[in-house]
Amino acid sequence: AVCLISLWEELPLVSDIAVIPRYRSNRIA
C-alpha cells in the first residue's frame, strides 16, 4: 500500500492512496 500526501493551494492533499486488492480487507487504508 501507499499513501502520498502533497500540498495543494497551501493545504495538505492525499495525492494518492492505493492498496493491492488482496490486502484491501485488512483496513490498511
PDB file of all heavy atoms in Angstrom:
ATOM      1  N   ALA A   1       0.831  -1.201   0.000  1.00  0.00           N
ATOM      2  CA  ALA A   1       0.000   0.000   0.000  1.00  0.00           C
ATOM      3  C   ALA A   1       0.865   1.249   0.000  1.00  0.00           C
ATOM      4  O   ALA A   1       2.031   1.222   0.400  1.00  0.00           O
ATOM      5  CB  ALA A   1      -0.912   0.006   1.219  1.00  0.00           C
ATOM      6  N   VAL A   2       0.253   2.344  -0.426  1.00  0.00           N
ATOM      7  CA  VAL A   2       0.932   3.631  -0.444  1.00  0.00           C
ATOM      8  C   VAL A   2      -0.077   4.734  -0.150  1.00  0.00           C
ATOM      9  O   VAL A   2      -1.239   4.644  -0.544  1.00  0.00           O
ATOM     10  CB  VAL A   2       1.638   3.870  -1.800  1.00  0.00           C
ATOM     11  CG1 VAL A   2       0.635   3.943  -2.937  1.00  0.00           C
ATOM     12  CG2 VAL A   2       2.491   5.109  -1.755  1.00  0.00           C
ATOM     13  N   CYS A   3       0.362   5.738   0.571  1.00  0.00           N
ATOM     14  CA  CYS A   3      -0.440   6.931   0.820  1.00  0.00           C
ATOM     15  C   CYS A   3       0.512   8.112   0.705  1.00  0.00           C
ATOM     16  O   CYS A   3       1.409   8.268   1.532  1.00  0.00           O
ATOM     17  CB  CYS A   3      -1.077   6.882   2.213  1.00  0.00           C
ATOM     18  SG  CYS A   3      -2.074   8.347   2.611  1.00  0.00           S
ATOM     19  N   LEU A   4       0.337   8.917  -0.334  1.00  0.00           N
ATOM     20  CA  LEU A   4       1.222  10.050  -0.583  1.00  0.00           C
ATOM     21  C   LEU A   4       0.486  11.352  -0.302  1.00  0.00           C
ATOM     22  O   LEU A   4      -0.586  11.599  -0.857  1.00  0.00           O
ATOM     23  CB  LEU A   4       1.721  10.033  -2.026  1.00  0.00           C
ATOM     24  CG  LEU A   4       2.495   8.785  -2.439  1.00  0.00           C
ATOM     25  CD1 LEU A   4       2.841   8.836  -3.916  1.00  0.00           C
ATOM     26  CD2 LEU A   4       3.745   8.627  -1.590  1.00  0.00           C
ATOM     27  N   ILE A   5       1.074  12.171   0.538  1.00  0.00           N
ATOM     28  CA  ILE A   5       0.489  13.453   0.905  1.00  0.00           C
ATOM     29  C   ILE A   5       1.313  14.556   0.258  1.00  0.00           C
ATOM     30  O   ILE A   5       2.549  14.557   0.361  1.00  0.00           O
ATOM     31  CB  ILE A   5       0.474  13.645   2.445  1.00  0.00           C
ATOM     32  CG1 ILE A   5      -0.160  12.447   3.148  1.00  0.00           C
ATOM     33  CG2 ILE A   5      -0.211  14.948   2.818  1.00  0.00           C
ATOM     34  CD1 ILE A   5      -1.615  12.211   2.843  1.00  0.00           C
ATOM     35  N   SER A   6       0.635  15.495  -0.397  1.00  0.00           N
ATOM     36  CA  SER A   6       1.313  16.626  -1.014  1.00  0.00           C
ATOM     37  C   SER A   6       0.631  17.911  -0.546  1.00  0.00           C
ATOM     38  O   SER A   6      -0.290  17.876   0.271  1.00  0.00           O
ATOM     39  CB  SER A   6       1.258  16.513  -2.540  1.00  0.00           C
ATOM     40  OG  SER A   6      -0.079  16.618  -2.987  1.00  0.00           O
ATOM     41  N   LEU A   7       1.082  19.026  -1.072  1.00  0.00           N
ATOM     42  CA  LEU A   7       0.486  20.316  -0.742  1.00  0.00           C
ATOM     43  C   LEU A   7      -0.220  20.848  -1.978  1.00  0.00           C
ATOM     44  O   LEU A   7       0.348  20.844  -3.079  1.00  0.00           O
ATOM     45  CB  LEU A   7       1.594  21.279  -0.302  1.00  0.00           C
ATOM     46  CG  LEU A   7       1.260  22.293   0.752  1.00  0.00           C
ATOM     47  CD1 LEU A   7       0.713  21.647   2.002  1.00  0.00           C
ATOM     48  CD2 LEU A   7       2.474  23.133   1.090  1.00  0.00           C
ATOM     49  N   TRP A   8      -1.455  21.293  -1.833  1.00  0.00           N
ATOM     50  CA  TRP A   8      -2.220  21.870  -2.936  1.00  0.00           C
ATOM     51  C   TRP A   8      -2.940  23.090  -2.397  1.00  0.00           C
ATOM     52  O   TRP A   8      -3.664  22.990  -1.404  1.00  0.00           O
ATOM     53  CB  TRP A   8      -3.218  20.842  -3.483  1.00  0.00           C
ATOM     54  CG  TRP A   8      -3.967  21.327  -4.681  1.00  0.00           C
ATOM     55  CD1 TRP A   8      -3.483  21.519  -5.940  1.00  0.00           C
ATOM     56  CD2 TRP A   8      -5.349  21.678  -4.736  1.00  0.00           C
ATOM     57  NE1 TRP A   8      -4.471  21.969  -6.774  1.00  0.00           N
ATOM     58  CE2 TRP A   8      -5.628  22.079  -6.048  1.00  0.00           C
ATOM     59  CE3 TRP A   8      -6.369  21.706  -3.796  1.00  0.00           C
ATOM     60  CZ2 TRP A   8      -6.890  22.499  -6.461  1.00  0.00           C
ATOM     61  CZ3 TRP A   8      -7.628  22.118  -4.207  1.00  0.00           C
ATOM     62  CH2 TRP A   8      -7.870  22.500  -5.525  1.00  0.00           C
ATOM     63  N   GLU A   9      -2.693  24.237  -3.001  1.00  0.00           N
ATOM     64  CA  GLU A   9      -3.252  25.507  -2.541  1.00  0.00           C
ATOM     65  C   GLU A   9      -2.962  25.718  -1.052  1.00  0.00           C
ATOM     66  O   GLU A   9      -3.812  26.106  -0.270  1.00  0.00           O
ATOM     67  CB  GLU A   9      -4.751  25.599  -2.829  1.00  0.00           C
ATOM     68  CG  GLU A   9      -5.075  25.644  -4.297  1.00  0.00           C
ATOM     69  CD  GLU A   9      -6.566  25.789  -4.585  1.00  0.00           C
ATOM     70  OE1 GLU A   9      -7.394  25.611  -3.674  1.00  0.00           O
ATOM     71  OE2 GLU A   9      -6.885  26.098  -5.739  1.00  0.00           O
ATOM     72  N   GLU A  10      -1.725  25.409  -0.666  1.00  0.00           N
ATOM     73  CA  GLU A  10      -1.214  25.603   0.691  1.00  0.00           C
ATOM     74  C   GLU A  10      -1.897  24.736   1.763  1.00  0.00           C
ATOM     75  O   GLU A  10      -1.803  25.006   2.947  1.00  0.00           O
ATOM     76  CB  GLU A  10      -1.262  27.080   1.081  1.00  0.00           C
ATOM     77  CG  GLU A  10      -0.410  27.937   0.152  1.00  0.00           C
ATOM     78  CD  GLU A  10      -0.382  29.395   0.543  1.00  0.00           C
ATOM     79  OE1 GLU A  10      -0.432  29.689   1.746  1.00  0.00           O
ATOM     80  OE2 GLU A  10      -0.296  30.223  -0.363  1.00  0.00           O
ATOM     81  N   LEU A  11      -2.590  23.692   1.343  1.00  0.00           N
ATOM     82  CA  LEU A  11      -3.205  22.747   2.274  1.00  0.00           C
ATOM     83  C   LEU A  11      -2.799  21.326   1.869  1.00  0.00           C
ATOM     84  O   LEU A  11      -2.621  21.040   0.684  1.00  0.00           O
ATOM     85  CB  LEU A  11      -4.735  22.868   2.254  1.00  0.00           C
ATOM     86  CG  LEU A  11      -5.293  24.152   2.844  1.00  0.00           C
ATOM     87  CD1 LEU A  11      -6.785  24.241   2.587  1.00  0.00           C
ATOM     88  CD2 LEU A  11      -5.013  24.239   4.336  1.00  0.00           C
ATOM     89  N   PRO A  12      -2.675  20.415   2.843  1.00  0.00           N
ATOM     90  CA  PRO A  12      -2.300  19.047   2.506  1.00  0.00           C
ATOM     91  C   PRO A  12      -3.397  18.326   1.730  1.00  0.00           C
ATOM     92  O   PRO A  12      -4.590  18.569   1.940  1.00  0.00           O
ATOM     93  CB  PRO A  12      -2.065  18.387   3.865  1.00  0.00           C
ATOM     94  CG  PRO A  12      -2.770  19.222   4.850  1.00  0.00           C
ATOM     95  CD  PRO A  12      -2.853  20.603   4.288  1.00  0.00           C
ATOM     96  N   LEU A  13      -2.964  17.471   0.826  1.00  0.00           N
ATOM     97  CA  LEU A  13      -3.857  16.720  -0.058  1.00  0.00           C
ATOM     98  C   LEU A  13      -3.383  15.273  -0.138  1.00  0.00           C
ATOM     99  O   LEU A  13      -2.178  15.022  -0.271  1.00  0.00           O
ATOM    100  CB  LEU A  13      -3.831  17.337  -1.463  1.00  0.00           C
ATOM    101  CG  LEU A  13      -4.456  16.528  -2.596  1.00  0.00           C
ATOM    102  CD1 LEU A  13      -5.975  16.525  -2.470  1.00  0.00           C
ATOM    103  CD2 LEU A  13      -4.036  17.068  -3.945  1.00  0.00           C
ATOM    104  N   VAL A  14      -4.312  14.341  -0.047  1.00  0.00           N
ATOM    105  CA  VAL A  14      -3.986  12.937  -0.302  1.00  0.00           C
ATOM    106  C   VAL A  14      -3.848  12.822  -1.816  1.00  0.00           C
ATOM    107  O   VAL A  14      -4.841  12.777  -2.542  1.00  0.00           O
ATOM    108  CB  VAL A  14      -5.079  11.983   0.229  1.00  0.00           C
ATOM    109  CG1 VAL A  14      -4.717  10.538  -0.106  1.00  0.00           C
ATOM    110  CG2 VAL A  14      -5.285  12.162   1.724  1.00  0.00           C
ATOM    111  N   SER A  15      -2.605  12.834  -2.296  1.00  0.00           N
ATOM    112  CA  SER A  15      -2.355  12.774  -3.743  1.00  0.00           C
ATOM    113  C   SER A  15      -2.698  11.409  -4.301  1.00  0.00           C
ATOM    114  O   SER A  15      -3.276  11.288  -5.365  1.00  0.00           O
ATOM    115  CB  SER A  15      -0.890  13.066  -4.052  1.00  0.00           C
ATOM    116  OG  SER A  15      -0.536  14.337  -3.633  1.00  0.00           O
ATOM    117  N   ASP A  16      -2.280  10.381  -3.577  1.00  0.00           N
ATOM    118  CA  ASP A  16      -2.522   9.003  -3.992  1.00  0.00           C
ATOM    119  C   ASP A  16      -2.696   8.142  -2.758  1.00  0.00           C
ATOM    120  O   ASP A  16      -1.972   8.304  -1.784  1.00  0.00           O
ATOM    121  CB  ASP A  16      -1.332   8.450  -4.797  1.00  0.00           C
ATOM    122  CG  ASP A  16      -1.234   9.051  -6.170  1.00  0.00           C
ATOM    123  OD1 ASP A  16      -2.144   8.799  -6.978  1.00  0.00           O
ATOM    124  OD2 ASP A  16      -0.257   9.774  -6.424  1.00  0.00           O
ATOM    125  N   ILE A  17      -3.649   7.236  -2.835  1.00  0.00           N
ATOM    126  CA  ILE A  17      -3.768   6.193  -1.815  1.00  0.00           C
ATOM    127  C   ILE A  17      -4.191   4.932  -2.554  1.00  0.00           C
ATOM    128  O   ILE A  17      -5.125   4.959  -3.355  1.00  0.00           O
ATOM    129  CB  ILE A  17      -4.739   6.555  -0.676  1.00  0.00           C
ATOM    130  CG1 ILE A  17      -4.701   5.461   0.399  1.00  0.00           C
ATOM    131  CG2 ILE A  17      -6.119   6.875  -1.180  1.00  0.00           C
ATOM    132  CD1 ILE A  17      -5.228   5.883   1.735  1.00  0.00           C
ATOM    133  N   ALA A  18      -3.458   3.874  -2.334  1.00  0.00           N
ATOM    134  CA  ALA A  18      -3.747   2.627  -3.036  1.00  0.00           C
ATOM    135  C   ALA A  18      -3.328   1.448  -2.177  1.00  0.00           C
ATOM    136  O   ALA A  18      -2.327   1.505  -1.475  1.00  0.00           O
ATOM    137  CB  ALA A  18      -3.002   2.586  -4.366  1.00  0.00           C
ATOM    138  N   VAL A  19      -4.129   0.387  -2.256  1.00  0.00           N
ATOM    139  CA  VAL A  19      -3.830  -0.865  -1.570  1.00  0.00           C
ATOM    140  C   VAL A  19      -4.035  -1.982  -2.587  1.00  0.00           C
ATOM    141  O   VAL A  19      -5.054  -2.012  -3.288  1.00  0.00           O
ATOM    142  CB  VAL A  19      -4.755  -1.080  -0.345  1.00  0.00           C
ATOM    143  CG1 VAL A  19      -4.442  -2.403   0.337  1.00  0.00           C
ATOM    144  CG2 VAL A  19      -4.636   0.081   0.637  1.00  0.00           C
ATOM    145  N   ILE A  20      -3.075  -2.890  -2.673  1.00  0.00           N
ATOM    146  CA  ILE A  20      -3.202  -4.022  -3.594  1.00  0.00           C
ATOM    147  C   ILE A  20      -4.473  -4.799  -3.221  1.00  0.00           C
ATOM    148  O   ILE A  20      -4.732  -5.030  -2.035  1.00  0.00           O
ATOM    149  CB  ILE A  20      -1.948  -4.906  -3.523  1.00  0.00           C
ATOM    150  CG1 ILE A  20      -0.785  -4.138  -4.157  1.00  0.00           C
ATOM    151  CG2 ILE A  20      -2.157  -6.243  -4.217  1.00  0.00           C
ATOM    152  CD1 ILE A  20       0.515  -4.880  -4.166  1.00  0.00           C
ATOM    153  N   PRO A  21      -5.278  -5.202  -4.213  1.00  0.00           N
ATOM    154  CA  PRO A  21      -6.584  -5.811  -3.943  1.00  0.00           C
ATOM    155  C   PRO A  21      -6.610  -6.921  -2.896  1.00  0.00           C
ATOM    156  O   PRO A  21      -7.501  -6.940  -2.051  1.00  0.00           O
ATOM    157  CB  PRO A  21      -7.020  -6.326  -5.317  1.00  0.00           C
ATOM    158  CG  PRO A  21      -6.382  -5.378  -6.280  1.00  0.00           C
ATOM    159  CD  PRO A  21      -5.047  -5.048  -5.655  1.00  0.00           C
ATOM    160  N   ARG A  22      -5.665  -7.816  -2.880  1.00  0.00           N
ATOM    161  CA  ARG A  22      -5.750  -8.930  -1.927  1.00  0.00           C
ATOM    162  C   ARG A  22      -5.516  -8.503  -0.475  1.00  0.00           C
ATOM    163  O   ARG A  22      -5.761  -9.261   0.456  1.00  0.00           O
ATOM    164  CB  ARG A  22      -4.820 -10.068  -2.325  1.00  0.00           C
ATOM    165  CG  ARG A  22      -3.371  -9.796  -2.189  1.00  0.00           C
ATOM    166  CD  ARG A  22      -2.584 -11.083  -2.521  1.00  0.00           C
ATOM    167  NE  ARG A  22      -1.182 -10.849  -2.555  1.00  0.00           N
ATOM    168  CZ  ARG A  22      -0.490 -10.523  -3.639  1.00  0.00           C
ATOM    169  NH1 ARG A  22      -1.105 -10.420  -4.799  1.00  0.00           N
ATOM    170  NH2 ARG A  22       0.805 -10.321  -3.576  1.00  0.00           N
ATOM    171  N   TYR A  23      -5.062  -7.264  -0.256  1.00  0.00           N
ATOM    172  CA  TYR A  23      -4.837  -6.757   1.100  1.00  0.00           C
ATOM    173  C   TYR A  23      -5.931  -5.783   1.558  1.00  0.00           C
ATOM    174  O   TYR A  23      -5.877  -5.273   2.668  1.00  0.00           O
ATOM    175  CB  TYR A  23      -3.484  -6.039   1.186  1.00  0.00           C
ATOM    176  CG  TYR A  23      -2.304  -6.945   1.005  1.00  0.00           C
ATOM    177  CD1 TYR A  23      -1.695  -7.075  -0.244  1.00  0.00           C
ATOM    178  CD2 TYR A  23      -1.782  -7.662   2.066  1.00  0.00           C
ATOM    179  CE1 TYR A  23      -0.590  -7.899  -0.417  1.00  0.00           C
ATOM    180  CE2 TYR A  23      -0.679  -8.492   1.903  1.00  0.00           C
ATOM    181  CZ  TYR A  23      -0.093  -8.605   0.661  1.00  0.00           C
ATOM    182  OH  TYR A  23       0.999  -9.420   0.495  1.00  0.00           O
ATOM    183  N   ARG A  24      -6.913  -5.525   0.709  1.00  0.00           N
ATOM    184  CA  ARG A  24      -7.889  -4.477   0.999  1.00  0.00           C
ATOM    185  C   ARG A  24      -8.805  -4.751   2.177  1.00  0.00           C
ATOM    186  O   ARG A  24      -9.357  -3.832   2.739  1.00  0.00           O
ATOM    187  CB  ARG A  24      -8.714  -4.175  -0.251  1.00  0.00           C
ATOM    188  CG  ARG A  24      -7.895  -3.437  -1.273  1.00  0.00           C
ATOM    189  CD  ARG A  24      -8.685  -2.957  -2.430  1.00  0.00           C
ATOM    190  NE  ARG A  24      -7.785  -2.318  -3.379  1.00  0.00           N
ATOM    191  CZ  ARG A  24      -8.046  -2.167  -4.646  1.00  0.00           C
ATOM    192  NH1 ARG A  24      -9.191  -2.588  -5.140  1.00  0.00           N
ATOM    193  NH2 ARG A  24      -7.167  -1.580  -5.438  1.00  0.00           N
ATOM    194  N   SER A  25      -8.978  -5.960   2.603  1.00  0.00           N
ATOM    195  CA  SER A  25      -9.871  -6.251   3.735  1.00  0.00           C
ATOM    196  C   SER A  25      -9.158  -6.108   5.080  1.00  0.00           C
ATOM    197  O   SER A  25      -9.744  -6.373   6.124  1.00  0.00           O
ATOM    198  CB  SER A  25     -10.454  -7.654   3.599  1.00  0.00           C
ATOM    199  OG  SER A  25      -9.410  -8.602   3.617  1.00  0.00           O
ATOM    200  N   ASN A  26      -7.912  -5.653   5.077  1.00  0.00           N
ATOM    201  CA  ASN A  26      -7.115  -5.559   6.305  1.00  0.00           C
ATOM    202  C   ASN A  26      -7.120  -4.167   6.933  1.00  0.00           C
ATOM    203  O   ASN A  26      -6.348  -3.910   7.843  1.00  0.00           O
ATOM    204  CB  ASN A  26      -5.668  -5.986   6.027  1.00  0.00           C
ATOM    205  CG  ASN A  26      -5.575  -7.429   5.608  1.00  0.00           C
ATOM    206  OD1 ASN A  26      -6.305  -8.270   6.108  1.00  0.00           O
ATOM    207  ND2 ASN A  26      -4.696  -7.723   4.679  1.00  0.00           N
ATOM    208  N   ARG A  27      -7.940  -3.265   6.446  1.00  0.00           N
ATOM    209  CA  ARG A  27      -8.082  -1.901   6.981  1.00  0.00           C
ATOM    210  C   ARG A  27      -6.791  -1.086   6.894  1.00  0.00           C
ATOM    211  O   ARG A  27      -6.540  -0.179   7.694  1.00  0.00           O
ATOM    212  CB  ARG A  27      -8.610  -1.934   8.408  1.00  0.00           C
ATOM    213  CG  ARG A  27      -9.931  -2.704   8.535  1.00  0.00           C
ATOM    214  CD  ARG A  27     -10.527  -2.676   9.906  1.00  0.00           C
ATOM    215  NE  ARG A  27     -10.772  -1.342  10.422  1.00  0.00           N
ATOM    216  CZ  ARG A  27     -11.831  -0.586  10.149  1.00  0.00           C
ATOM    217  NH1 ARG A  27     -12.763  -1.039   9.358  1.00  0.00           N
ATOM    218  NH2 ARG A  27     -11.953   0.608  10.684  1.00  0.00           N
ATOM    219  N   ILE A  28      -5.959  -1.404   5.929  1.00  0.00           N
ATOM    220  CA  ILE A  28      -4.689  -0.704   5.767  1.00  0.00           C
ATOM    221  C   ILE A  28      -4.918   0.750   5.372  1.00  0.00           C
ATOM    222  O   ILE A  28      -4.273   1.656   5.929  1.00  0.00           O
ATOM    223  CB  ILE A  28      -3.793  -1.421   4.741  1.00  0.00           C
ATOM    224  CG1 ILE A  28      -3.410  -2.808   5.270  1.00  0.00           C
ATOM    225  CG2 ILE A  28      -2.548  -0.604   4.420  1.00  0.00           C
ATOM    226  CD1 ILE A  28      -2.718  -3.697   4.263  1.00  0.00           C
ATOM    227  N   ALA A  29      -5.825   1.002   4.444  1.00  0.00           N
ATOM    228  CA  ALA A  29      -6.084   2.382   4.013  1.00  0.00           C
ATOM    229  C   ALA A  29      -6.556   3.241   5.184  1.00  0.00           C
ATOM    230  O   ALA A  29      -6.130   4.388   5.325  1.00  0.00           O
ATOM    231  CB  ALA A  29      -7.117   2.399   2.881  1.00  0.00           C
TER     232      ALA A  29
END
